[in-house]
Every structure is written in structure tokens, then in C-alpha cells.
Amino acid sequence: DLVSTQRPSADNLEAILANVLAGYDSELIEHAMLELERYESRADHDKIDQALAQALTTGAPFVAREVSEHLTPFVNERSFLFFQDVVAHLPTQSASRINLETCLSDFQRKRTSGG
């Protein structure tokens, strides 16, 4: 909660990416993901996408699953193909893969229906 009282900054972003997404405490992920939504620059989004992909593919299993459950705000026109590529690197039938595939399908359905 301490970070959420601060304005988004490069230091805070690095702290979240290095200490939470790359960590082992899945209970911190939901709050961290909410914090990451506050970052708006293209450079920040690129760093966030890379960190999310790393958490999904090589992170602790509980962290990867928790990240995959909160990805919807991060999947957009810019990141769709990136996350579609990440799916191929996730174990078949893993919760992370299923959640990411669902998120991508939902985004694609909304995009094609105009909503």
C-alpha cells in the first residue's frame, strides 16, 4: 500500500517489477498489478509487458497463475500479439496458459464485436 500513495515513478516501477513480479509471494500480485495499471508511457508498458511475460514463463508457479488471472488490463491492441506469442511458451493445460488464452480470446471477441 505504501507504493500506491506515491506517484508512478521509474524507481517505484523497478521495485514492483524486481521485487514483486520476480518474487515468490503470490499474495502481492493483485495489488502490484493494480499499481502497474497506473503507468502510462510506452517505455513503461514495454517494461511491464516483458516482466509479465517473464513472470508467466519462468516465475514461481503461484505467481504465474496469479499474474495470469489479472492480465486483462494489460492486453490491448499494442500488446495482443506479444502475449499471443507468450502463450506458446507456457505448459499446455497449465492454469497460466488457460487464463492467458481466455484473456486473449475475450480481447479478440471484444475487438471484433466493436465493444
C-alpha atoms as a PDB file:
ATOM      1  CA  ASP A   1       0.000   0.000   0.000  1.00  0.00           C
ATOM      2  CA  LEU A   2       2.951   2.315   0.506  1.00  0.00           C
ATOM      3  CA  VAL A   3       3.694   2.443  -3.228  1.00  0.00           C
ATOM      4  CA  SER A   4       0.098   3.367  -4.079  1.00  0.00           C
ATOM      5  CA  THR A   5       0.454   6.573  -2.080  1.00  0.00           C
ATOM      6  CA  GLN A   6       3.328   7.579  -4.366  1.00  0.00           C
ATOM      7  CA  ARG A   7       3.105   8.935  -7.884  1.00  0.00           C
ATOM      8  CA  PRO A   8       4.224   6.491 -10.555  1.00  0.00           C
ATOM      9  CA  SER A   9       7.977   6.753 -10.941  1.00  0.00           C
ATOM     10  CA  ALA A  10      10.820   4.814 -12.524  1.00  0.00           C
ATOM     11  CA  ASP A  11      12.054   3.739  -9.082  1.00  0.00           C
ATOM     12  CA  ASN A  12       8.630   2.506  -7.986  1.00  0.00           C
ATOM     13  CA  LEU A  13       8.146   0.663 -11.267  1.00  0.00           C
ATOM     14  CA  GLU A  14      11.511  -1.072 -10.935  1.00  0.00           C
ATOM     15  CA  ALA A  15      10.704  -2.013  -7.340  1.00  0.00           C
ATOM     16  CA  ILE A  16       7.422  -3.619  -8.356  1.00  0.00           C
ATOM     17  CA  LEU A  17       8.939  -5.456 -11.309  1.00  0.00           C
ATOM     18  CA  ALA A  18      12.032  -6.678  -9.470  1.00  0.00           C
ATOM     19  CA  ASN A  19      10.626  -7.401  -6.032  1.00  0.00           C
ATOM     20  CA  VAL A  20       7.061  -8.496  -6.666  1.00  0.00           C
ATOM     21  CA  LEU A  21       6.697  -9.923 -10.163  1.00  0.00           C
ATOM     22  CA  ALA A  22      10.084 -11.627  -9.979  1.00  0.00           C
ATOM     23  CA  GLY A  23       9.434 -12.780  -6.408  1.00  0.00           C
ATOM     24  CA  TYR A  24       7.668 -15.699  -4.824  1.00  0.00           C
ATOM     25  CA  ASP A  25       4.792 -14.082  -2.923  1.00  0.00           C
ATOM     26  CA  SER A  26       1.644 -14.559  -4.992  1.00  0.00           C
ATOM     27  CA  GLU A  27      -0.401 -12.638  -2.410  1.00  0.00           C
ATOM     28  CA  LEU A  28       1.282  -9.382  -3.505  1.00  0.00           C
ATOM     29  CA  ILE A  29       0.487  -9.819  -7.191  1.00  0.00           C
ATOM     30  CA  GLU A  30      -3.067  -8.463  -7.321  1.00  0.00           C
ATOM     31  CA  HIS A  31      -2.056  -5.198  -5.661  1.00  0.00           C
ATOM     32  CA  ALA A  32       1.089  -4.954  -7.802  1.00  0.00           C
ATOM     33  CA  MET A  33      -0.970  -5.405 -10.973  1.00  0.00           C
ATOM     34  CA  LEU A  34      -3.297  -2.583  -9.890  1.00  0.00           C
ATOM     35  CA  GLU A  35      -0.243  -0.383  -9.352  1.00  0.00           C
ATOM     36  CA  LEU A  36       1.155  -1.261 -12.777  1.00  0.00           C
ATOM     37  CA  GLU A  37      -2.057  -0.030 -14.408  1.00  0.00           C
ATOM     38  CA  ARG A  38      -1.100   3.490 -13.285  1.00  0.00           C
ATOM     39  CA  TYR A  39       1.889   3.611 -15.647  1.00  0.00           C
ATOM     40  CA  GLU A  40       1.109   5.197 -18.993  1.00  0.00           C
ATOM     41  CA  SER A  41       4.243   5.676 -21.101  1.00  0.00           C
ATOM     42  CA  ARG A  42       5.107   3.344 -23.964  1.00  0.00           C
ATOM     43  CA  ALA A  43       8.501   2.621 -22.396  1.00  0.00           C
ATOM     44  CA  ASP A  44       6.862   1.679 -19.092  1.00  0.00           C
ATOM     45  CA  HIS A  45       4.332  -0.537 -20.870  1.00  0.00           C
ATOM     46  CA  ASP A  46       7.143  -2.313 -22.700  1.00  0.00           C
ATOM     47  CA  LYS A  47       8.962  -2.996 -19.403  1.00  0.00           C
ATOM     48  CA  ILE A  48       5.741  -4.150 -17.767  1.00  0.00           C
ATOM     49  CA  ASP A  49       4.860  -6.489 -20.644  1.00  0.00           C
ATOM     50  CA  GLN A  50       8.340  -8.030 -20.544  1.00  0.00           C
ATOM     51  CA  ALA A  51       8.138  -8.519 -16.767  1.00  0.00           C
ATOM     52  CA  LEU A  52       4.657 -10.044 -17.016  1.00  0.00           C
ATOM     53  CA  ALA A  53       5.855 -12.427 -19.717  1.00  0.00           C
ATOM     54  CA  GLN A  54       8.842 -13.414 -17.607  1.00  0.00           C
ATOM     55  CA  ALA A  55       6.626 -13.995 -14.570  1.00  0.00           C
ATOM     56  CA  LEU A  56       4.328 -16.169 -16.685  1.00  0.00           C
ATOM     57  CA  THR A  57       7.058 -18.221 -18.344  1.00  0.00           C
ATOM     58  CA  THR A  58       9.777 -18.555 -15.713  1.00  0.00           C
ATOM     59  CA  GLY A  59       8.271 -17.250 -12.487  1.00  0.00           C
ATOM     60  CA  ALA A  60       7.155 -19.175  -9.448  1.00  0.00           C
ATOM     61  CA  PRO A  61       4.043 -21.229 -10.339  1.00  0.00           C
ATOM     62  CA  PHE A  62       1.715 -19.459  -7.897  1.00  0.00           C
ATOM     63  CA  VAL A  63       2.978 -16.059  -9.054  1.00  0.00           C
ATOM     64  CA  ALA A  64       2.493 -17.027 -12.714  1.00  0.00           C
ATOM     65  CA  ARG A  65      -1.054 -18.187 -12.046  1.00  0.00           C
ATOM     66  CA  GLU A  66      -1.899 -15.015 -10.120  1.00  0.00           C
ATOM     67  CA  VAL A  67      -0.410 -12.799 -12.855  1.00  0.00           C
ATOM     68  CA  SER A  68      -2.433 -14.673 -15.478  1.00  0.00           C
ATOM     69  CA  GLU A  69      -5.626 -14.006 -13.521  1.00  0.00           C
ATOM     70  CA  HIS A  70      -5.066 -10.229 -13.641  1.00  0.00           C
ATOM     71  CA  LEU A  71      -3.825  -9.686 -17.211  1.00  0.00           C
ATOM     72  CA  THR A  72      -6.965  -8.240 -18.798  1.00  0.00           C
ATOM     73  CA  PRO A  73      -5.997  -4.554 -18.362  1.00  0.00           C
ATOM     74  CA  PHE A  74      -2.625  -5.228 -19.992  1.00  0.00           C
ATOM     75  CA  VAL A  75      -3.898  -6.890 -23.157  1.00  0.00           C
ATOM     76  CA  ASN A  76      -4.612  -4.282 -25.806  1.00  0.00           C
ATOM     77  CA  GLU A  77      -4.002  -3.560 -29.492  1.00  0.00           C
ATOM     78  CA  ARG A  78      -0.324  -2.912 -28.788  1.00  0.00           C
ATOM     79  CA  SER A  79       0.336  -5.988 -26.659  1.00  0.00           C
ATOM     80  CA  PHE A  80      -2.040  -8.591 -28.110  1.00  0.00           C
ATOM     81  CA  LEU A  81       0.462 -10.237 -30.472  1.00  0.00           C
ATOM     82  CA  PHE A  82       3.175 -10.126 -27.802  1.00  0.00           C
ATOM     83  CA  PHE A  83       1.021 -12.038 -25.309  1.00  0.00           C
ATOM     84  CA  GLN A  84      -0.180 -14.369 -28.042  1.00  0.00           C
ATOM     85  CA  ASP A  85       3.481 -15.343 -28.518  1.00  0.00           C
ATOM     86  CA  VAL A  86       3.888 -15.836 -24.754  1.00  0.00           C
ATOM     87  CA  VAL A  87       1.132 -18.491 -24.799  1.00  0.00           C
ATOM     88  CA  ALA A  88       3.369 -20.763 -26.888  1.00  0.00           C
ATOM     89  CA  HIS A  89       5.957 -20.764 -24.091  1.00  0.00           C
ATOM     90  CA  LEU A  90       3.540 -21.866 -21.362  1.00  0.00           C
ATOM     91  CA  PRO A  91       2.913 -25.513 -20.485  1.00  0.00           C
ATOM     92  CA  THR A  92      -0.168 -26.992 -22.116  1.00  0.00           C
ATOM     93  CA  GLN A  93      -3.090 -27.242 -19.679  1.00  0.00           C
ATOM     94  CA  SER A  94      -1.363 -25.028 -17.093  1.00  0.00           C
ATOM     95  CA  ALA A  95      -3.619 -22.557 -15.299  1.00  0.00           C
ATOM     96  CA  SER A  96      -1.437 -19.711 -16.558  1.00  0.00           C
ATOM     97  CA  ARG A  97      -1.839 -20.765 -20.173  1.00  0.00           C
ATOM     98  CA  ILE A  98      -5.578 -21.330 -19.874  1.00  0.00           C
ATOM     99  CA  ASN A  99      -6.061 -17.941 -18.189  1.00  0.00           C
ATOM    100  CA  LEU A 100      -3.944 -16.132 -20.786  1.00  0.00           C
ATOM    101  CA  GLU A 101      -5.727 -17.860 -23.676  1.00  0.00           C
ATOM    102  CA  THR A 102      -9.084 -16.851 -22.169  1.00  0.00           C
ATOM    103  CA  CYS A 103      -7.916 -13.265 -21.747  1.00  0.00           C
ATOM    104  CA  LEU A 104      -6.705 -13.105 -25.358  1.00  0.00           C
ATOM    105  CA  SER A 105      -9.934 -14.665 -26.654  1.00  0.00           C
ATOM    106  CA  ASP A 106     -12.006 -12.180 -24.667  1.00  0.00           C
ATOM    107  CA  PHE A 107      -9.982  -9.284 -26.054  1.00  0.00           C
ATOM    108  CA  GLN A 108     -10.287 -10.579 -29.613  1.00  0.00           C
ATOM    109  CA  ARG A 109     -14.038 -11.094 -29.228  1.00  0.00           C
ATOM    110  CA  LYS A 110     -14.488  -7.542 -27.908  1.00  0.00           C
ATOM    111  CA  ARG A 111     -12.319  -6.159 -30.706  1.00  0.00           C
ATOM    112  CA  THR A 112     -14.275  -7.926 -33.445  1.00  0.00           C
ATOM    113  CA  SER A 113     -17.669  -7.070 -31.945  1.00  0.00           C
ATOM    114  CA  GLY A 114     -16.725  -3.417 -31.616  1.00  0.00           C
ATOM    115  CA  GLY A 115     -17.062  -3.425 -27.830  1.00  0.00           C
END
